[in-house]
Amino acid sequence: MTAFYSITHVPRELHPELLEKIAGWLRVGGRFIGTFHHRAHAEDYDPDWFGAPMFWSGYGPEDNRLMVEAAGLRIISDKIEIIPIDVDGSSSKFQLIVVEKVQQI
């Protein structure tokens, strides 16, 4: 299961609940890879981002790790990556986390 560049568009206070849901969707041994903010970021909102409203928020790396583990997922890989994804051709930094579900919750 993957979530590239989408978790940052969910209000950050909902991230723990989202990660618990993701853990519930995985079978034991199932893996998830997702991108998270690489720094604490309370909230940004653009009502007209390329014609649609867009929201960004997130936590820093340590809080992301704690939330992932609290959801019952074991971290396999955790790194900060610069990824060229912005629509204007620039790059953004993300925390890329790969996890495995180790037990049924």
N, C-alpha and C. Protein backbone atom coordinates (compact mmCIF):
# COMPACT_ATOMS: atom_id res chain seq x y z
N MET A 1 0.84 -1.15 0.00
CA MET A 1 0.00 0.00 0.00
C MET A 1 0.91 1.24 0.00
N THR A 2 0.49 2.26 -0.71
CA THR A 2 1.29 3.49 -0.79
C THR A 2 0.43 4.72 -0.54
N ALA A 3 1.08 5.77 -0.09
CA ALA A 3 0.45 7.09 0.05
C ALA A 3 1.53 8.13 -0.25
N PHE A 4 1.73 8.39 -1.52
CA PHE A 4 2.73 9.38 -1.92
C PHE A 4 2.09 10.75 -2.02
N TYR A 5 2.64 11.70 -1.25
CA TYR A 5 2.27 13.12 -1.32
C TYR A 5 0.82 13.39 -0.99
N SER A 6 0.16 12.50 -0.27
CA SER A 6 -1.25 12.71 0.07
C SER A 6 -1.47 12.96 1.55
N ILE A 7 -0.70 12.35 2.42
CA ILE A 7 -0.90 12.51 3.86
C ILE A 7 -0.74 13.97 4.26
N THR A 8 0.13 14.70 3.59
CA THR A 8 0.34 16.11 3.90
C THR A 8 -0.88 16.97 3.60
N HIS A 9 -1.83 16.42 2.85
CA HIS A 9 -3.05 17.17 2.52
C HIS A 9 -4.20 16.82 3.45
N VAL A 10 -3.92 16.03 4.47
CA VAL A 10 -4.89 15.70 5.52
C VAL A 10 -4.52 16.56 6.73
N PRO A 11 -5.48 17.21 7.38
CA PRO A 11 -5.14 17.99 8.58
C PRO A 11 -4.33 17.15 9.57
N ARG A 12 -3.26 17.72 10.08
CA ARG A 12 -2.32 16.93 10.87
C ARG A 12 -2.92 16.32 12.12
N GLU A 13 -3.96 16.93 12.69
CA GLU A 13 -4.57 16.33 13.88
C GLU A 13 -5.27 15.01 13.54
N LEU A 14 -5.47 14.74 12.25
CA LEU A 14 -6.09 13.48 11.83
C LEU A 14 -5.05 12.40 11.44
N HIS A 15 -3.76 12.74 11.43
CA HIS A 15 -2.73 11.78 11.03
C HIS A 15 -2.70 10.53 11.90
N PRO A 16 -2.77 10.63 13.25
CA PRO A 16 -2.75 9.39 14.04
C PRO A 16 -3.91 8.46 13.69
N GLU A 17 -5.10 9.01 13.55
CA GLU A 17 -6.27 8.19 13.19
C GLU A 17 -6.10 7.58 11.80
N LEU A 18 -5.57 8.35 10.86
CA LEU A 18 -5.33 7.83 9.50
C LEU A 18 -4.35 6.67 9.53
N LEU A 19 -3.27 6.80 10.30
CA LEU A 19 -2.28 5.73 10.38
C LEU A 19 -2.85 4.48 11.04
N GLU A 20 -3.73 4.64 12.02
CA GLU A 20 -4.39 3.49 12.63
C GLU A 20 -5.29 2.79 11.60
N LYS A 21 -5.97 3.55 10.76
CA LYS A 21 -6.80 2.95 9.71
C LYS A 21 -5.94 2.19 8.71
N ILE A 22 -4.83 2.79 8.32
CA ILE A 22 -3.92 2.13 7.38
C ILE A 22 -3.42 0.82 7.98
N ALA A 23 -3.04 0.84 9.26
CA ALA A 23 -2.59 -0.38 9.92
C ALA A 23 -3.69 -1.44 9.92
N GLY A 24 -4.94 -1.01 10.08
CA GLY A 24 -6.05 -1.94 10.06
C GLY A 24 -6.31 -2.55 8.70
N TRP A 25 -5.94 -1.84 7.64
CA TRP A 25 -6.14 -2.35 6.28
C TRP A 25 -5.08 -3.38 5.89
N LEU A 26 -3.93 -3.34 6.56
CA LEU A 26 -2.83 -4.23 6.21
C LEU A 26 -2.98 -5.59 6.89
N ARG A 27 -2.55 -6.63 6.19
CA ARG A 27 -2.42 -7.96 6.79
C ARG A 27 -1.10 -8.00 7.55
N VAL A 28 -0.97 -8.95 8.46
CA VAL A 28 0.32 -9.15 9.12
C VAL A 28 1.35 -9.45 8.03
N GLY A 29 2.47 -8.75 8.05
CA GLY A 29 3.50 -8.87 7.03
C GLY A 29 3.30 -7.89 5.88
N GLY A 30 2.14 -7.24 5.83
CA GLY A 30 1.88 -6.25 4.78
C GLY A 30 2.72 -5.00 4.99
N ARG A 31 3.04 -4.35 3.90
CA ARG A 31 3.90 -3.17 3.97
C ARG A 31 3.19 -1.93 3.45
N PHE A 32 3.61 -0.80 3.99
CA PHE A 32 3.10 0.50 3.60
C PHE A 32 4.29 1.43 3.40
N ILE A 33 4.24 2.25 2.37
CA ILE A 33 5.24 3.28 2.17
C ILE A 33 4.50 4.60 1.98
N GLY A 34 4.93 5.61 2.70
CA GLY A 34 4.27 6.90 2.62
C GLY A 34 5.25 8.05 2.76
N THR A 35 4.83 9.19 2.25
CA THR A 35 5.62 10.41 2.39
C THR A 35 4.94 11.30 3.42
N PHE A 36 5.77 11.88 4.28
CA PHE A 36 5.33 12.76 5.36
C PHE A 36 6.13 14.06 5.29
N HIS A 37 5.62 15.10 5.97
CA HIS A 37 6.40 16.34 6.07
C HIS A 37 7.74 16.04 6.71
N HIS A 38 8.76 16.76 6.30
CA HIS A 38 10.09 16.56 6.89
C HIS A 38 10.34 17.52 8.04
N ARG A 39 9.37 18.39 8.33
CA ARG A 39 9.48 19.32 9.46
C ARG A 39 8.06 19.60 9.95
N ALA A 40 7.96 20.03 11.21
CA ALA A 40 6.65 20.36 11.75
C ALA A 40 6.08 21.53 10.96
N HIS A 41 4.84 21.39 10.55
CA HIS A 41 4.20 22.38 9.70
C HIS A 41 2.72 22.40 10.05
N ALA A 42 2.31 23.42 10.81
CA ALA A 42 0.94 23.44 11.35
C ALA A 42 -0.11 23.48 10.26
N GLU A 43 -0.04 24.42 9.34
CA GLU A 43 -1.08 24.49 8.32
C GLU A 43 -0.78 25.58 7.28
N ASP A 44 -1.04 25.24 6.04
CA ASP A 44 -1.08 26.19 4.92
C ASP A 44 -2.34 25.88 4.15
N TYR A 45 -2.92 26.90 3.59
CA TYR A 45 -4.13 26.72 2.81
C TYR A 45 -4.12 27.70 1.66
N ASP A 46 -4.41 27.22 0.47
CA ASP A 46 -4.53 28.07 -0.71
C ASP A 46 -5.92 27.79 -1.29
N PRO A 47 -6.81 28.78 -1.26
CA PRO A 47 -8.17 28.54 -1.75
C PRO A 47 -8.25 28.34 -3.26
N ASP A 48 -7.18 28.71 -3.97
CA ASP A 48 -7.20 28.58 -5.43
C ASP A 48 -5.84 28.09 -5.93
N TRP A 49 -5.48 26.87 -5.57
CA TRP A 49 -4.22 26.28 -6.01
C TRP A 49 -4.48 25.54 -7.32
N PHE A 50 -4.12 26.16 -8.41
CA PHE A 50 -4.38 25.61 -9.74
C PHE A 50 -5.87 25.29 -9.95
N GLY A 51 -6.73 26.19 -9.44
CA GLY A 51 -8.16 26.06 -9.66
C GLY A 51 -8.92 25.28 -8.61
N ALA A 52 -8.24 24.81 -7.57
CA ALA A 52 -8.92 24.04 -6.52
C ALA A 52 -8.34 24.41 -5.16
N PRO A 53 -9.12 24.30 -4.10
CA PRO A 53 -8.56 24.56 -2.77
C PRO A 53 -7.57 23.46 -2.38
N MET A 54 -6.49 23.85 -1.69
CA MET A 54 -5.48 22.87 -1.29
C MET A 54 -4.99 23.20 0.12
N PHE A 55 -4.78 22.15 0.89
CA PHE A 55 -4.39 22.23 2.29
C PHE A 55 -3.11 21.43 2.49
N TRP A 56 -2.20 21.93 3.33
CA TRP A 56 -0.96 21.22 3.67
C TRP A 56 -0.74 21.29 5.17
N SER A 57 -0.28 20.21 5.78
CA SER A 57 0.12 20.22 7.18
C SER A 57 0.90 18.95 7.49
N GLY A 58 1.55 18.93 8.64
CA GLY A 58 2.28 17.74 9.03
C GLY A 58 3.09 17.95 10.29
N TYR A 59 3.74 16.88 10.71
CA TYR A 59 4.61 16.88 11.88
C TYR A 59 6.05 16.69 11.42
N GLY A 60 6.97 16.80 12.36
CA GLY A 60 8.37 16.55 12.06
C GLY A 60 8.70 15.08 12.10
N PRO A 61 9.91 14.71 11.70
CA PRO A 61 10.31 13.30 11.60
C PRO A 61 10.09 12.47 12.86
N GLU A 62 10.47 12.97 14.01
CA GLU A 62 10.34 12.18 15.24
C GLU A 62 8.88 11.91 15.56
N ASP A 63 8.04 12.93 15.44
CA ASP A 63 6.61 12.72 15.70
C ASP A 63 5.99 11.77 14.68
N ASN A 64 6.42 11.85 13.43
CA ASN A 64 5.92 10.92 12.41
C ASN A 64 6.27 9.48 12.78
N ARG A 65 7.51 9.26 13.20
CA ARG A 65 7.94 7.92 13.61
C ARG A 65 7.10 7.41 14.78
N LEU A 66 6.90 8.27 15.78
CA LEU A 66 6.12 7.87 16.96
C LEU A 66 4.69 7.52 16.59
N MET A 67 4.06 8.28 15.69
CA MET A 67 2.69 7.99 15.27
C MET A 67 2.60 6.67 14.51
N VAL A 68 3.57 6.44 13.64
CA VAL A 68 3.59 5.20 12.86
C VAL A 68 3.72 4.00 13.80
N GLU A 69 4.63 4.08 14.74
CA GLU A 69 4.84 2.98 15.68
C GLU A 69 3.64 2.82 16.61
N ALA A 70 3.01 3.91 17.02
CA ALA A 70 1.83 3.84 17.89
C ALA A 70 0.66 3.15 17.17
N ALA A 71 0.67 3.21 15.85
CA ALA A 71 -0.37 2.55 15.07
C ALA A 71 -0.11 1.04 14.93
N GLY A 72 1.00 0.57 15.49
CA GLY A 72 1.31 -0.86 15.45
C GLY A 72 2.12 -1.28 14.25
N LEU A 73 2.85 -0.34 13.67
CA LEU A 73 3.65 -0.62 12.48
C LEU A 73 5.13 -0.53 12.81
N ARG A 74 5.92 -1.45 12.27
CA ARG A 74 7.37 -1.47 12.49
C ARG A 74 8.06 -0.78 11.33
N ILE A 75 8.92 0.19 11.64
CA ILE A 75 9.62 0.95 10.60
C ILE A 75 10.75 0.10 10.03
N ILE A 76 10.75 -0.03 8.72
CA ILE A 76 11.78 -0.74 7.98
C ILE A 76 12.81 0.25 7.44
N SER A 77 12.33 1.37 6.95
CA SER A 77 13.20 2.41 6.38
C SER A 77 12.59 3.77 6.67
N ASP A 78 13.47 4.73 6.95
CA ASP A 78 13.03 6.08 7.28
C ASP A 78 14.11 7.04 6.83
N LYS A 79 13.81 7.86 5.83
CA LYS A 79 14.82 8.81 5.37
C LYS A 79 14.17 10.06 4.80
N ILE A 80 14.94 11.12 4.82
CA ILE A 80 14.51 12.39 4.24
C ILE A 80 15.03 12.42 2.81
N GLU A 81 14.13 12.69 1.87
CA GLU A 81 14.49 12.71 0.45
C GLU A 81 14.07 14.03 -0.18
N ILE A 82 14.88 14.51 -1.10
CA ILE A 82 14.50 15.64 -1.93
C ILE A 82 13.92 15.05 -3.21
N ILE A 83 12.66 15.39 -3.48
CA ILE A 83 11.94 14.77 -4.59
C ILE A 83 11.44 15.86 -5.54
N PRO A 84 11.77 15.75 -6.83
CA PRO A 84 11.32 16.76 -7.80
C PRO A 84 9.87 16.52 -8.23
N ILE A 85 8.93 17.10 -7.48
CA ILE A 85 7.52 16.84 -7.79
C ILE A 85 6.68 18.09 -8.01
N ASP A 86 7.17 19.24 -7.61
CA ASP A 86 6.33 20.43 -7.68
C ASP A 86 5.97 20.76 -9.12
N VAL A 87 4.75 21.25 -9.29
CA VAL A 87 4.24 21.54 -10.63
C VAL A 87 5.04 22.62 -11.34
N ASP A 88 5.76 23.44 -10.59
CA ASP A 88 6.58 24.48 -11.22
C ASP A 88 7.99 23.97 -11.54
N GLY A 89 8.25 22.69 -11.34
CA GLY A 89 9.54 22.10 -11.66
C GLY A 89 10.52 22.09 -10.51
N SER A 90 10.17 22.67 -9.37
CA SER A 90 11.08 22.68 -8.23
C SER A 90 10.95 21.37 -7.44
N SER A 91 11.80 21.22 -6.44
CA SER A 91 11.82 20.00 -5.62
C SER A 91 11.29 20.29 -4.24
N SER A 92 10.85 19.25 -3.57
CA SER A 92 10.40 19.35 -2.19
C SER A 92 11.04 18.24 -1.38
N LYS A 93 11.18 18.48 -0.08
CA LYS A 93 11.71 17.47 0.83
C LYS A 93 10.55 16.75 1.51
N PHE A 94 10.69 15.44 1.64
CA PHE A 94 9.71 14.62 2.33
C PHE A 94 10.43 13.60 3.19
N GLN A 95 9.75 13.17 4.24
CA GLN A 95 10.21 12.01 5.01
C GLN A 95 9.53 10.81 4.39
N LEU A 96 10.31 9.89 3.92
CA LEU A 96 9.82 8.67 3.27
C LEU A 96 9.94 7.53 4.28
N ILE A 97 8.80 6.95 4.67
CA ILE A 97 8.79 5.89 5.68
C ILE A 97 8.20 4.62 5.08
N VAL A 98 8.92 3.51 5.27
CA VAL A 98 8.43 2.19 4.86
C VAL A 98 8.22 1.40 6.15
N VAL A 99 7.03 0.78 6.28
CA VAL A 99 6.70 0.04 7.49
C VAL A 99 6.14 -1.33 7.15
N GLU A 100 6.10 -2.16 8.17
CA GLU A 100 5.51 -3.50 8.04
C GLU A 100 4.60 -3.73 9.24
N LYS A 101 3.45 -4.34 8.99
CA LYS A 101 2.57 -4.71 10.10
C LYS A 101 3.07 -6.03 10.67
N VAL A 102 3.34 -6.03 11.97
CA VAL A 102 3.94 -7.21 12.58
C VAL A 102 2.96 -8.06 13.38
N GLN A 103 1.81 -7.49 13.76
CA GLN A 103 0.84 -8.29 14.51
C GLN A 103 -0.55 -7.74 14.29
N GLN A 104 -1.52 -8.60 14.49
CA GLN A 104 -2.92 -8.19 14.36
C GLN A 104 -3.28 -7.33 15.55
N ILE A 105 -3.93 -6.22 15.32
CA ILE A 105 -4.33 -5.32 16.41
C ILE A 105 -5.77 -5.59 16.79
